Amino acid sequence: MDLLYTLTQEEDKNNHRRDTYLHTQEVYYRKHFEGYFENAKIDKLTPKDMEIFRQTLIKKNLEASTINRLMAQLSKLFNTAVKQGFRPDNPCLALRKLPESPQPIHYWTLDEFNTFMSLFEVEEYPYQLFFKVAFSTGMRKGELLALTWEDVDFSRQTINVNKTLVRLPDGQMSFHPPKTKSGYRSITIHKSLTQELQAWRYK
């Protein structure tokens, strides 16, 4: 299995996959696959073996979406095995994805937000301002945490989104550009927020 992982990583690097993707794949492999399949004979594994492995993931109380991602990575490793002639088929293809239950998104009303704002103490103002920007722009947490003052155009009253802070599976933090072109954008902010940010910037 280690050989399959190495070959798959080499192919991903040749295909210019993102460093964050490669790092995530490595963390998942070391945590979930490496030990479990350490003594497995790759050419002997069956769809039933894949189902038994998936059951071990389910018993870890992982989310269905996480298990599906892990099984997709495992399937990718077996695709490499087929390409290399180590076995004739991919045993993961016989398994259907686990059903995923999307979590509903609950939006704050303006009254709820104002109530939240009233809970901050004076010394907590920087955090209060952070949430004001979040509520006013709809930016994602990683985008907010990656902001610098150079991204704020006070004259045009805009915030330029051009990077995000990513937490990797092993807990490390890393700055990366948006995944898609649409992730790069300019967000207009209202005058009072612009003035508040400017006042804090030059405090």
N, C-alpha and C. Protein backbone atom coordinates (compact mmCIF):
# COMPACT_ATOMS: atom_id res chain seq x y z
N MET A 1 0.82 -1.21 0.00
CA MET A 1 0.00 0.00 0.00
C MET A 1 0.86 1.26 0.00
N ASP A 2 2.01 1.19 0.68
CA ASP A 2 2.91 2.35 0.69
C ASP A 2 3.38 2.69 -0.73
N LEU A 3 3.63 1.67 -1.52
CA LEU A 3 4.06 1.89 -2.91
C LEU A 3 2.95 2.56 -3.70
N LEU A 4 1.72 2.12 -3.51
CA LEU A 4 0.59 2.72 -4.22
C LEU A 4 0.45 4.19 -3.84
N TYR A 5 0.62 4.47 -2.56
CA TYR A 5 0.51 5.85 -2.10
C TYR A 5 1.61 6.71 -2.74
N THR A 6 2.84 6.21 -2.75
CA THR A 6 3.96 6.96 -3.33
C THR A 6 3.72 7.24 -4.81
N LEU A 7 3.28 6.22 -5.54
CA LEU A 7 3.02 6.39 -6.97
C LEU A 7 1.88 7.37 -7.23
N THR A 8 0.85 7.31 -6.39
CA THR A 8 -0.29 8.21 -6.55
C THR A 8 0.12 9.64 -6.27
N GLN A 9 0.93 9.85 -5.23
CA GLN A 9 1.40 11.19 -4.89
C GLN A 9 2.27 11.76 -6.02
N GLU A 10 3.10 10.93 -6.61
CA GLU A 10 3.96 11.37 -7.71
C GLU A 10 3.10 11.82 -8.90
N GLU A 11 2.04 11.07 -9.16
CA GLU A 11 1.14 11.43 -10.26
C GLU A 11 0.42 12.75 -9.96
N ASP A 12 0.00 12.93 -8.71
CA ASP A 12 -0.67 14.17 -8.33
C ASP A 12 0.27 15.37 -8.47
N LYS A 13 1.53 15.18 -8.09
CA LYS A 13 2.51 16.26 -8.21
C LYS A 13 2.74 16.61 -9.68
N ASN A 14 2.79 15.59 -10.51
CA ASN A 14 2.98 15.83 -11.95
C ASN A 14 1.78 16.55 -12.56
N ASN A 15 0.61 16.36 -11.94
CA ASN A 15 -0.61 17.02 -12.40
C ASN A 15 -0.82 18.36 -11.71
N HIS A 16 0.21 18.79 -10.96
CA HIS A 16 0.22 20.11 -10.31
C HIS A 16 -0.94 20.29 -9.32
N ARG A 17 -1.22 19.25 -8.54
CA ARG A 17 -2.22 19.38 -7.50
C ARG A 17 -1.69 20.31 -6.40
N ARG A 18 -2.60 21.00 -5.74
CA ARG A 18 -2.22 21.96 -4.70
C ARG A 18 -1.48 21.28 -3.55
N ASP A 19 -0.59 22.05 -2.91
CA ASP A 19 0.15 21.53 -1.76
C ASP A 19 -0.80 21.13 -0.63
N THR A 20 -1.87 21.92 -0.45
CA THR A 20 -2.83 21.60 0.61
C THR A 20 -3.51 20.26 0.34
N TYR A 21 -3.81 19.99 -0.93
CA TYR A 21 -4.42 18.71 -1.31
C TYR A 21 -3.46 17.56 -1.01
N LEU A 22 -2.21 17.73 -1.41
CA LEU A 22 -1.22 16.68 -1.19
C LEU A 22 -1.01 16.43 0.30
N HIS A 23 -0.98 17.51 1.06
CA HIS A 23 -0.76 17.39 2.51
C HIS A 23 -1.94 16.67 3.16
N THR A 24 -3.15 17.04 2.76
CA THR A 24 -4.35 16.39 3.31
C THR A 24 -4.37 14.91 2.99
N GLN A 25 -4.02 14.57 1.75
CA GLN A 25 -3.99 13.17 1.35
C GLN A 25 -2.98 12.38 2.20
N GLU A 26 -1.84 13.01 2.48
CA GLU A 26 -0.82 12.33 3.28
C GLU A 26 -1.31 12.11 4.71
N VAL A 27 -1.94 13.14 5.30
CA VAL A 27 -2.44 13.01 6.67
C VAL A 27 -3.48 11.90 6.74
N TYR A 28 -4.41 11.87 5.80
CA TYR A 28 -5.44 10.83 5.79
C TYR A 28 -4.82 9.44 5.62
N TYR A 29 -3.82 9.36 4.75
CA TYR A 29 -3.19 8.06 4.51
C TYR A 29 -2.51 7.55 5.78
N ARG A 30 -1.71 8.41 6.40
CA ARG A 30 -0.98 8.00 7.61
C ARG A 30 -1.94 7.63 8.74
N LYS A 31 -3.03 8.37 8.85
CA LYS A 31 -3.94 8.18 9.98
C LYS A 31 -4.87 6.99 9.80
N HIS A 32 -5.35 6.77 8.58
CA HIS A 32 -6.41 5.77 8.39
C HIS A 32 -6.01 4.53 7.58
N PHE A 33 -5.07 4.66 6.65
CA PHE A 33 -4.77 3.56 5.74
C PHE A 33 -3.49 2.79 6.08
N GLU A 34 -2.46 3.54 6.42
CA GLU A 34 -1.13 2.95 6.55
C GLU A 34 -1.10 1.76 7.50
N GLY A 35 -1.57 1.95 8.70
CA GLY A 35 -1.54 0.86 9.68
C GLY A 35 -2.50 -0.26 9.36
N TYR A 36 -3.69 0.09 8.92
CA TYR A 36 -4.73 -0.91 8.66
C TYR A 36 -4.31 -1.87 7.55
N PHE A 37 -3.73 -1.35 6.49
CA PHE A 37 -3.37 -2.17 5.33
C PHE A 37 -1.89 -2.56 5.32
N GLU A 38 -1.22 -2.41 6.44
CA GLU A 38 0.23 -2.64 6.50
C GLU A 38 0.62 -4.01 5.98
N ASN A 39 -0.10 -5.05 6.36
CA ASN A 39 0.26 -6.42 5.95
C ASN A 39 -0.69 -6.99 4.90
N ALA A 40 -1.48 -6.12 4.28
CA ALA A 40 -2.45 -6.59 3.28
C ALA A 40 -1.77 -6.95 1.97
N LYS A 41 -2.30 -7.97 1.31
CA LYS A 41 -1.85 -8.33 -0.03
C LYS A 41 -2.79 -7.64 -1.02
N ILE A 42 -2.26 -6.64 -1.68
CA ILE A 42 -3.08 -5.77 -2.52
C ILE A 42 -3.88 -6.54 -3.57
N ASP A 43 -3.28 -7.55 -4.14
CA ASP A 43 -3.97 -8.27 -5.22
C ASP A 43 -5.04 -9.23 -4.70
N LYS A 44 -5.14 -9.38 -3.38
CA LYS A 44 -6.11 -10.31 -2.81
C LYS A 44 -7.32 -9.61 -2.17
N LEU A 45 -7.26 -8.31 -2.03
CA LEU A 45 -8.34 -7.59 -1.37
C LEU A 45 -9.61 -7.59 -2.22
N THR A 46 -10.75 -7.72 -1.56
CA THR A 46 -12.05 -7.85 -2.24
C THR A 46 -12.98 -6.70 -1.83
N PRO A 47 -14.10 -6.52 -2.56
CA PRO A 47 -15.09 -5.52 -2.14
C PRO A 47 -15.55 -5.74 -0.70
N LYS A 48 -15.64 -6.99 -0.28
CA LYS A 48 -16.03 -7.27 1.10
C LYS A 48 -15.00 -6.70 2.08
N ASP A 49 -13.74 -6.80 1.75
CA ASP A 49 -12.68 -6.23 2.60
C ASP A 49 -12.82 -4.71 2.68
N MET A 50 -13.23 -4.10 1.57
CA MET A 50 -13.41 -2.65 1.56
C MET A 50 -14.58 -2.25 2.46
N GLU A 51 -15.64 -3.05 2.44
CA GLU A 51 -16.78 -2.77 3.30
C GLU A 51 -16.42 -2.93 4.77
N ILE A 52 -15.62 -3.94 5.08
CA ILE A 52 -15.18 -4.15 6.47
C ILE A 52 -14.34 -2.96 6.93
N PHE A 53 -13.46 -2.48 6.04
CA PHE A 53 -12.65 -1.31 6.38
C PHE A 53 -13.54 -0.09 6.62
N ARG A 54 -14.53 0.10 5.75
CA ARG A 54 -15.43 1.24 5.92
C ARG A 54 -16.18 1.17 7.25
N GLN A 55 -16.52 -0.03 7.67
CA GLN A 55 -17.19 -0.19 8.96
C GLN A 55 -16.31 0.28 10.11
N THR A 56 -15.00 0.09 9.97
CA THR A 56 -14.09 0.58 11.03
C THR A 56 -14.12 2.10 11.10
N LEU A 57 -14.30 2.76 9.94
CA LEU A 57 -14.41 4.22 9.91
C LEU A 57 -15.72 4.67 10.54
N ILE A 58 -16.77 3.93 10.25
CA ILE A 58 -18.08 4.27 10.82
C ILE A 58 -18.04 4.16 12.34
N LYS A 59 -17.34 3.15 12.84
CA LYS A 59 -17.25 2.96 14.30
C LYS A 59 -16.44 4.06 14.98
N LYS A 60 -15.68 4.81 14.19
CA LYS A 60 -14.93 5.95 14.74
C LYS A 60 -15.80 7.20 14.85
N ASN A 61 -17.08 7.03 14.47
CA ASN A 61 -18.05 8.14 14.52
C ASN A 61 -17.67 9.30 13.61
N LEU A 62 -17.05 8.98 12.49
CA LEU A 62 -16.74 10.01 11.50
C LEU A 62 -18.00 10.38 10.73
N GLU A 63 -18.06 11.61 10.24
CA GLU A 63 -19.18 12.04 9.42
C GLU A 63 -19.19 11.24 8.12
N ALA A 64 -20.41 11.02 7.59
CA ALA A 64 -20.54 10.27 6.34
C ALA A 64 -19.75 10.94 5.22
N SER A 65 -19.74 12.27 5.19
CA SER A 65 -19.01 12.99 4.15
C SER A 65 -17.51 12.73 4.25
N THR A 66 -17.01 12.64 5.49
CA THR A 66 -15.58 12.36 5.69
C THR A 66 -15.25 10.94 5.25
N ILE A 67 -16.10 10.00 5.59
CA ILE A 67 -15.88 8.60 5.20
C ILE A 67 -15.90 8.47 3.69
N ASN A 68 -16.81 9.16 3.04
CA ASN A 68 -16.88 9.11 1.57
C ASN A 68 -15.60 9.67 0.95
N ARG A 69 -15.06 10.73 1.54
CA ARG A 69 -13.79 11.28 1.03
C ARG A 69 -12.65 10.29 1.21
N LEU A 70 -12.63 9.63 2.37
CA LEU A 70 -11.58 8.65 2.62
C LEU A 70 -11.68 7.48 1.66
N MET A 71 -12.89 7.02 1.41
CA MET A 71 -13.07 5.89 0.49
C MET A 71 -12.71 6.30 -0.94
N ALA A 72 -12.95 7.56 -1.27
CA ALA A 72 -12.57 8.05 -2.60
C ALA A 72 -11.05 8.06 -2.74
N GLN A 73 -10.35 8.43 -1.67
CA GLN A 73 -8.90 8.39 -1.71
C GLN A 73 -8.40 6.95 -1.83
N LEU A 74 -9.03 6.05 -1.09
CA LEU A 74 -8.63 4.64 -1.17
C LEU A 74 -8.87 4.10 -2.57
N SER A 75 -10.00 4.49 -3.15
CA SER A 75 -10.30 4.06 -4.52
C SER A 75 -9.26 4.58 -5.50
N LYS A 76 -8.78 5.78 -5.25
CA LYS A 76 -7.74 6.35 -6.10
C LYS A 76 -6.46 5.54 -6.02
N LEU A 77 -6.13 5.05 -4.83
CA LEU A 77 -4.95 4.21 -4.67
C LEU A 77 -5.09 2.92 -5.47
N PHE A 78 -6.29 2.35 -5.45
CA PHE A 78 -6.50 1.11 -6.20
C PHE A 78 -6.56 1.35 -7.71
N ASN A 79 -6.95 2.56 -8.12
CA ASN A 79 -6.86 2.90 -9.54
C ASN A 79 -5.40 2.87 -9.99
N THR A 80 -4.53 3.34 -9.11
CA THR A 80 -3.09 3.28 -9.40
C THR A 80 -2.63 1.83 -9.50
N ALA A 81 -3.16 0.98 -8.62
CA ALA A 81 -2.80 -0.44 -8.66
C ALA A 81 -3.20 -1.08 -9.98
N VAL A 82 -4.36 -0.69 -10.50
CA VAL A 82 -4.82 -1.22 -11.78
C VAL A 82 -3.93 -0.72 -12.91
N LYS A 83 -3.60 0.58 -12.88
CA LYS A 83 -2.74 1.16 -13.92
C LYS A 83 -1.38 0.48 -13.96
N GLN A 84 -0.87 0.15 -12.78
CA GLN A 84 0.45 -0.46 -12.68
C GLN A 84 0.43 -1.97 -12.91
N GLY A 85 -0.75 -2.53 -13.08
CA GLY A 85 -0.86 -3.96 -13.33
C GLY A 85 -0.73 -4.83 -12.10
N PHE A 86 -0.92 -4.23 -10.89
CA PHE A 86 -0.81 -5.00 -9.65
C PHE A 86 -2.06 -5.84 -9.39
N ARG A 87 -3.19 -5.44 -9.98
CA ARG A 87 -4.43 -6.18 -9.85
C ARG A 87 -5.34 -5.78 -11.02
N PRO A 88 -6.32 -6.61 -11.37
CA PRO A 88 -7.13 -6.34 -12.56
C PRO A 88 -8.28 -5.36 -12.35
N ASP A 89 -8.69 -5.13 -11.08
CA ASP A 89 -9.85 -4.28 -10.86
C ASP A 89 -9.71 -3.47 -9.58
N ASN A 90 -10.66 -2.56 -9.39
CA ASN A 90 -10.68 -1.70 -8.21
C ASN A 90 -11.80 -2.19 -7.28
N PRO A 91 -11.48 -2.77 -6.13
CA PRO A 91 -12.51 -3.34 -5.26
C PRO A 91 -13.41 -2.30 -4.61
N CYS A 92 -13.02 -1.04 -4.64
CA CYS A 92 -13.84 0.01 -4.03
C CYS A 92 -15.05 0.39 -4.90
N LEU A 93 -14.97 0.08 -6.19
CA LEU A 93 -16.03 0.49 -7.11
C LEU A 93 -17.35 -0.22 -6.84
N ALA A 94 -17.31 -1.32 -6.11
CA ALA A 94 -18.54 -2.06 -5.81
C ALA A 94 -19.34 -1.42 -4.68
N LEU A 95 -18.72 -0.46 -3.98
CA LEU A 95 -19.39 0.18 -2.84
C LEU A 95 -20.06 1.47 -3.27
N ARG A 96 -21.28 1.67 -2.78
CA ARG A 96 -21.96 2.93 -3.00
C ARG A 96 -21.58 3.91 -1.89
N LYS A 97 -21.67 5.18 -2.22
CA LYS A 97 -21.39 6.19 -1.20
C LYS A 97 -22.40 6.11 -0.07
N LEU A 98 -21.95 6.46 1.11
CA LEU A 98 -22.87 6.58 2.23
C LEU A 98 -23.75 7.81 2.02
N PRO A 99 -25.03 7.73 2.37
CA PRO A 99 -25.89 8.92 2.23
C PRO A 99 -25.45 10.02 3.18
N GLU A 100 -25.39 11.22 2.66
CA GLU A 100 -24.97 12.37 3.46
C GLU A 100 -26.17 13.27 3.74
N SER A 101 -26.27 13.74 4.96
CA SER A 101 -27.36 14.62 5.36
C SER A 101 -26.82 16.04 5.48
N PRO A 102 -27.12 16.90 4.49
CA PRO A 102 -26.61 18.27 4.56
C PRO A 102 -27.18 19.00 5.76
N GLN A 103 -26.31 19.74 6.43
CA GLN A 103 -26.74 20.49 7.59
C GLN A 103 -27.39 21.81 7.15
N PRO A 104 -28.59 22.11 7.66
CA PRO A 104 -29.25 23.37 7.29
C PRO A 104 -28.46 24.56 7.79
N ILE A 105 -28.48 25.63 7.03
CA ILE A 105 -27.78 26.86 7.40
C ILE A 105 -28.78 27.80 8.07
N HIS A 106 -28.46 28.23 9.27
CA HIS A 106 -29.33 29.14 10.00
C HIS A 106 -28.71 30.53 10.00
N TYR A 107 -29.41 31.49 9.42
CA TYR A 107 -28.90 32.85 9.32
C TYR A 107 -29.41 33.70 10.49
N TRP A 108 -28.54 34.56 10.99
CA TRP A 108 -28.94 35.50 12.02
C TRP A 108 -29.82 36.60 11.43
N THR A 109 -30.80 37.03 12.19
CA THR A 109 -31.54 38.23 11.84
C THR A 109 -30.74 39.43 12.36
N LEU A 110 -31.12 40.62 11.93
CA LEU A 110 -30.42 41.82 12.39
C LEU A 110 -30.57 41.98 13.90
N ASP A 111 -31.73 41.66 14.43
CA ASP A 111 -31.93 41.76 15.88
C ASP A 111 -31.03 40.78 16.64
N GLU A 112 -30.91 39.59 16.12
CA GLU A 112 -30.04 38.59 16.76
C GLU A 112 -28.58 39.05 16.74
N PHE A 113 -28.18 39.63 15.61
CA PHE A 113 -26.81 40.11 15.49
C PHE A 113 -26.56 41.26 16.46
N ASN A 114 -27.49 42.18 16.55
CA ASN A 114 -27.33 43.32 17.46
C ASN A 114 -27.27 42.85 18.91
N THR A 115 -28.03 41.83 19.24
CA THR A 115 -27.98 41.28 20.59
C THR A 115 -26.59 40.69 20.86
N PHE A 116 -26.05 39.98 19.88
CA PHE A 116 -24.71 39.41 19.99
C PHE A 116 -23.67 40.52 20.17
N MET A 117 -23.79 41.60 19.41
CA MET A 117 -22.84 42.70 19.51
C MET A 117 -22.86 43.34 20.90
N SER A 118 -24.01 43.34 21.52
CA SER A 118 -24.14 43.99 22.83
C SER A 118 -23.45 43.21 23.94
N LEU A 119 -23.04 41.98 23.67
CA LEU A 119 -22.43 41.14 24.70
C LEU A 119 -20.93 41.37 24.86
N PHE A 120 -20.31 42.10 23.92
CA PHE A 120 -18.86 42.31 23.97
C PHE A 120 -18.49 43.36 25.02
N GLU A 121 -17.40 43.12 25.71
CA GLU A 121 -16.84 44.11 26.62
C GLU A 121 -15.96 45.08 25.82
N VAL A 122 -15.63 46.20 26.43
CA VAL A 122 -14.84 47.23 25.73
C VAL A 122 -13.51 46.68 25.25
N GLU A 123 -12.86 45.88 26.10
CA GLU A 123 -11.54 45.35 25.73
C GLU A 123 -11.62 44.27 24.64
N GLU A 124 -12.83 43.85 24.34
CA GLU A 124 -13.02 42.84 23.30
C GLU A 124 -13.39 43.45 21.95
N TYR A 125 -13.19 44.75 21.82
CA TYR A 125 -13.59 45.45 20.59
C TYR A 125 -13.00 44.85 19.32
N PRO A 126 -11.71 44.45 19.27
CA PRO A 126 -11.17 43.85 18.03
C PRO A 126 -11.98 42.64 17.57
N TYR A 127 -12.44 41.82 18.51
CA TYR A 127 -13.25 40.65 18.14
C TYR A 127 -14.63 41.09 17.66
N GLN A 128 -15.16 42.11 18.30
CA GLN A 128 -16.46 42.64 17.88
C GLN A 128 -16.39 43.16 16.45
N LEU A 129 -15.30 43.86 16.14
CA LEU A 129 -15.11 44.39 14.79
C LEU A 129 -14.98 43.26 13.78
N PHE A 130 -14.30 42.20 14.17
CA PHE A 130 -14.16 41.03 13.29
C PHE A 130 -15.54 40.51 12.89
N PHE A 131 -16.43 40.38 13.85
CA PHE A 131 -17.76 39.84 13.56
C PHE A 131 -18.62 40.84 12.79
N LYS A 132 -18.37 42.13 12.95
CA LYS A 132 -19.07 43.12 12.16
C LYS A 132 -18.73 42.96 10.68
N VAL A 133 -17.43 42.77 10.42
CA VAL A 133 -16.99 42.56 9.03
C VAL A 133 -17.60 41.28 8.47
N ALA A 134 -17.61 40.23 9.29
CA ALA A 134 -18.17 38.95 8.85
C ALA A 134 -19.65 39.09 8.50
N PHE A 135 -20.41 39.75 9.37
CA PHE A 135 -21.85 39.89 9.15
C PHE A 135 -22.15 40.80 7.97
N SER A 136 -21.32 41.83 7.78
CA SER A 136 -21.57 42.81 6.72
C SER A 136 -21.16 42.31 5.33
N THR A 137 -20.19 41.40 5.27
CA THR A 137 -19.65 40.97 3.97
C THR A 137 -20.03 39.56 3.57
N GLY A 138 -20.34 38.70 4.54
CA GLY A 138 -20.61 37.29 4.21
C GLY A 138 -19.36 36.51 3.87
N MET A 139 -18.20 37.06 4.21
CA MET A 139 -16.94 36.37 3.91
C MET A 139 -16.81 35.11 4.76
N ARG A 140 -16.10 34.12 4.22
CA ARG A 140 -15.84 32.89 4.95
C ARG A 140 -14.80 33.14 6.05
N LYS A 141 -14.81 32.27 7.04
CA LYS A 141 -13.89 32.44 8.17
C LYS A 141 -12.44 32.49 7.72
N GLY A 142 -12.04 31.57 6.83
CA GLY A 142 -10.66 31.55 6.37
C GLY A 142 -10.27 32.81 5.62
N GLU A 143 -11.23 33.38 4.87
CA GLU A 143 -10.97 34.62 4.14
C GLU A 143 -10.79 35.79 5.11
N LEU A 144 -11.62 35.83 6.15
CA LEU A 144 -11.52 36.88 7.16
C LEU A 144 -10.20 36.83 7.90
N LEU A 145 -9.80 35.62 8.29
CA LEU A 145 -8.57 35.46 9.06
C LEU A 145 -7.32 35.76 8.23
N ALA A 146 -7.47 35.72 6.90
CA ALA A 146 -6.32 35.98 6.02
C ALA A 146 -6.21 37.45 5.63
N LEU A 147 -7.19 38.27 6.02
CA LEU A 147 -7.18 39.68 5.62
C LEU A 147 -5.99 40.44 6.21
N THR A 148 -5.46 41.35 5.40
CA THR A 148 -4.46 42.31 5.88
C THR A 148 -4.99 43.70 5.56
N TRP A 149 -4.39 44.73 6.14
CA TRP A 149 -4.85 46.09 5.87
C TRP A 149 -4.68 46.47 4.41
N GLU A 150 -3.72 45.83 3.75
CA GLU A 150 -3.51 46.11 2.32
C GLU A 150 -4.70 45.65 1.47
N ASP A 151 -5.52 44.78 2.03
CA ASP A 151 -6.69 44.29 1.30
C ASP A 151 -7.89 45.22 1.42
N VAL A 152 -7.78 46.23 2.27
CA VAL A 152 -8.89 47.16 2.48
C VAL A 152 -8.61 48.47 1.75
N ASP A 153 -9.50 48.83 0.83
CA ASP A 153 -9.36 50.09 0.09
C ASP A 153 -10.35 51.09 0.70
N PHE A 154 -9.85 51.98 1.54
CA PHE A 154 -10.73 52.91 2.25
C PHE A 154 -11.36 53.92 1.30
N SER A 155 -10.65 54.34 0.27
CA SER A 155 -11.18 55.35 -0.64
C SER A 155 -12.34 54.79 -1.48
N ARG A 156 -12.23 53.54 -1.86
CA ARG A 156 -13.29 52.92 -2.66
C ARG A 156 -14.31 52.16 -1.81
N GLN A 157 -14.04 52.07 -0.52
CA GLN A 157 -14.91 51.35 0.41
C GLN A 157 -15.10 49.89 -0.03
N THR A 158 -13.97 49.21 -0.25
CA THR A 158 -14.02 47.81 -0.67
C THR A 158 -13.01 46.97 0.10
N ILE A 159 -13.30 45.68 0.17
CA ILE A 159 -12.36 44.69 0.70
C ILE A 159 -12.03 43.74 -0.44
N ASN A 160 -10.75 43.55 -0.70
CA ASN A 160 -10.32 42.66 -1.78
C ASN A 160 -9.98 41.28 -1.21
N VAL A 161 -10.70 40.28 -1.66
CA VAL A 161 -10.48 38.90 -1.20
C VAL A 161 -9.53 38.21 -2.18
N ASN A 162 -8.36 37.81 -1.70
CA ASN A 162 -7.37 37.22 -2.60
C ASN A 162 -6.60 36.06 -1.98
N LYS A 163 -6.99 35.65 -0.77
CA LYS A 163 -6.31 34.54 -0.10
C LYS A 163 -7.20 34.02 1.02
N THR A 164 -6.83 32.87 1.55
CA THR A 164 -7.59 32.29 2.65
C THR A 164 -6.63 31.56 3.59
N LEU A 165 -7.00 31.49 4.86
CA LEU A 165 -6.21 30.76 5.84
C LEU A 165 -6.83 29.37 5.98
N VAL A 166 -6.04 28.36 5.73
CA VAL A 166 -6.52 26.99 5.71
C VAL A 166 -5.98 26.21 6.89
N ARG A 167 -6.87 25.50 7.59
CA ARG A 167 -6.42 24.60 8.65
C ARG A 167 -6.32 23.20 8.06
N LEU A 168 -5.12 22.63 8.06
CA LEU A 168 -4.88 21.32 7.51
C LEU A 168 -5.32 20.24 8.51
N PRO A 169 -5.53 18.99 8.06
CA PRO A 169 -6.02 17.93 8.95
C PRO A 169 -5.17 17.69 10.19
N ASP A 170 -3.87 18.03 10.12
CA ASP A 170 -3.01 17.82 11.28
C ASP A 170 -2.94 19.04 12.19
N GLY A 171 -3.78 20.04 11.89
CA GLY A 171 -3.86 21.22 12.74
C GLY A 171 -3.01 22.39 12.29
N GLN A 172 -2.12 22.20 11.32
CA GLN A 172 -1.27 23.28 10.84
C GLN A 172 -2.12 24.32 10.09
N MET A 173 -1.67 25.58 10.13
CA MET A 173 -2.35 26.66 9.43
C MET A 173 -1.49 27.13 8.27
N SER A 174 -2.14 27.46 7.15
CA SER A 174 -1.37 27.86 5.97
C SER A 174 -2.21 28.81 5.11
N PHE A 175 -1.55 29.86 4.56
CA PHE A 175 -2.23 30.79 3.66
C PHE A 175 -2.18 30.26 2.23
N HIS A 176 -3.32 30.34 1.55
CA HIS A 176 -3.38 29.87 0.16
C HIS A 176 -4.31 30.75 -0.65
N PRO A 177 -4.08 30.81 -1.95
CA PRO A 177 -4.99 31.57 -2.82
C PRO A 177 -6.34 30.87 -2.91
N PRO A 178 -7.39 31.58 -3.33
CA PRO A 178 -8.70 30.94 -3.49
C PRO A 178 -8.63 29.77 -4.46
N LYS A 179 -9.54 28.79 -4.25
CA LYS A 179 -9.53 27.60 -5.09
C LYS A 179 -9.99 27.89 -6.52
N THR A 180 -10.89 28.85 -6.68
CA THR A 180 -11.44 29.15 -8.00
C THR A 180 -11.28 30.64 -8.31
N LYS A 181 -11.47 31.00 -9.59
CA LYS A 181 -11.36 32.39 -9.99
C LYS A 181 -12.42 33.25 -9.31
N SER A 182 -13.60 32.66 -9.09
CA SER A 182 -14.67 33.42 -8.45
C SER A 182 -14.35 33.74 -7.00
N GLY A 183 -13.37 33.01 -6.43
CA GLY A 183 -12.96 33.29 -5.06
C GLY A 183 -12.26 34.63 -4.93
N TYR A 184 -11.66 35.10 -6.04
CA TYR A 184 -11.07 36.43 -6.06
C TYR A 184 -12.20 37.43 -6.32
N ARG A 185 -12.42 38.35 -5.39
CA ARG A 185 -13.51 39.29 -5.58
C ARG A 185 -13.29 40.54 -4.73
N SER A 186 -14.03 41.57 -5.08
CA SER A 186 -14.00 42.83 -4.34
C SER A 186 -15.38 43.05 -3.73
N ILE A 187 -15.42 43.26 -2.42
CA ILE A 187 -16.69 43.40 -1.70
C ILE A 187 -16.85 44.83 -1.23
N THR A 188 -17.95 45.46 -1.60
CA THR A 188 -18.23 46.82 -1.16
C THR A 188 -18.75 46.81 0.28
N ILE A 189 -18.22 47.69 1.11
CA ILE A 189 -18.65 47.80 2.50
C ILE A 189 -19.27 49.18 2.72
N HIS A 190 -20.21 49.26 3.66
CA HIS A 190 -20.91 50.53 3.87
C HIS A 190 -20.01 51.56 4.56
N LYS A 191 -20.42 52.79 4.49
CA LYS A 191 -19.58 53.91 4.93
C LYS A 191 -19.21 53.81 6.40
N SER A 192 -20.18 53.47 7.26
CA SER A 192 -19.89 53.44 8.70
C SER A 192 -18.86 52.37 9.04
N LEU A 193 -18.92 51.20 8.38
CA LEU A 193 -17.94 50.15 8.63
C LEU A 193 -16.56 50.58 8.11
N THR A 194 -16.55 51.25 6.97
CA THR A 194 -15.29 51.76 6.43
C THR A 194 -14.63 52.72 7.41
N GLN A 195 -15.42 53.61 7.95
CA GLN A 195 -14.89 54.58 8.91
C GLN A 195 -14.41 53.90 10.18
N GLU A 196 -15.13 52.88 10.61
CA GLU A 196 -14.75 52.17 11.83
C GLU A 196 -13.43 51.41 11.63
N LEU A 197 -13.29 50.78 10.47
CA LEU A 197 -12.05 50.07 10.16
C LEU A 197 -10.89 51.06 10.05
N GLN A 198 -11.15 52.18 9.41
CA GLN A 198 -10.10 53.17 9.23
C GLN A 198 -9.64 53.74 10.59
N ALA A 199 -10.60 53.97 11.46
CA ALA A 199 -10.27 54.49 12.79
C ALA A 199 -9.42 53.49 13.57
N TRP A 200 -9.75 52.20 13.43
CA TRP A 200 -8.97 51.17 14.14
C TRP A 200 -7.60 50.99 13.49
N ARG A 201 -7.56 51.14 12.17
CA ARG A 201 -6.29 50.98 11.44
C ARG A 201 -5.28 52.01 11.89
N TYR A 202 -5.71 53.25 12.07
CA TYR A 202 -4.77 54.33 12.39
C TYR A 202 -4.85 54.74 13.86
N LYS A 203 -5.35 53.83 14.68
CA LYS A 203 -5.45 54.12 16.12
C LYS A 203 -4.05 54.28 16.73
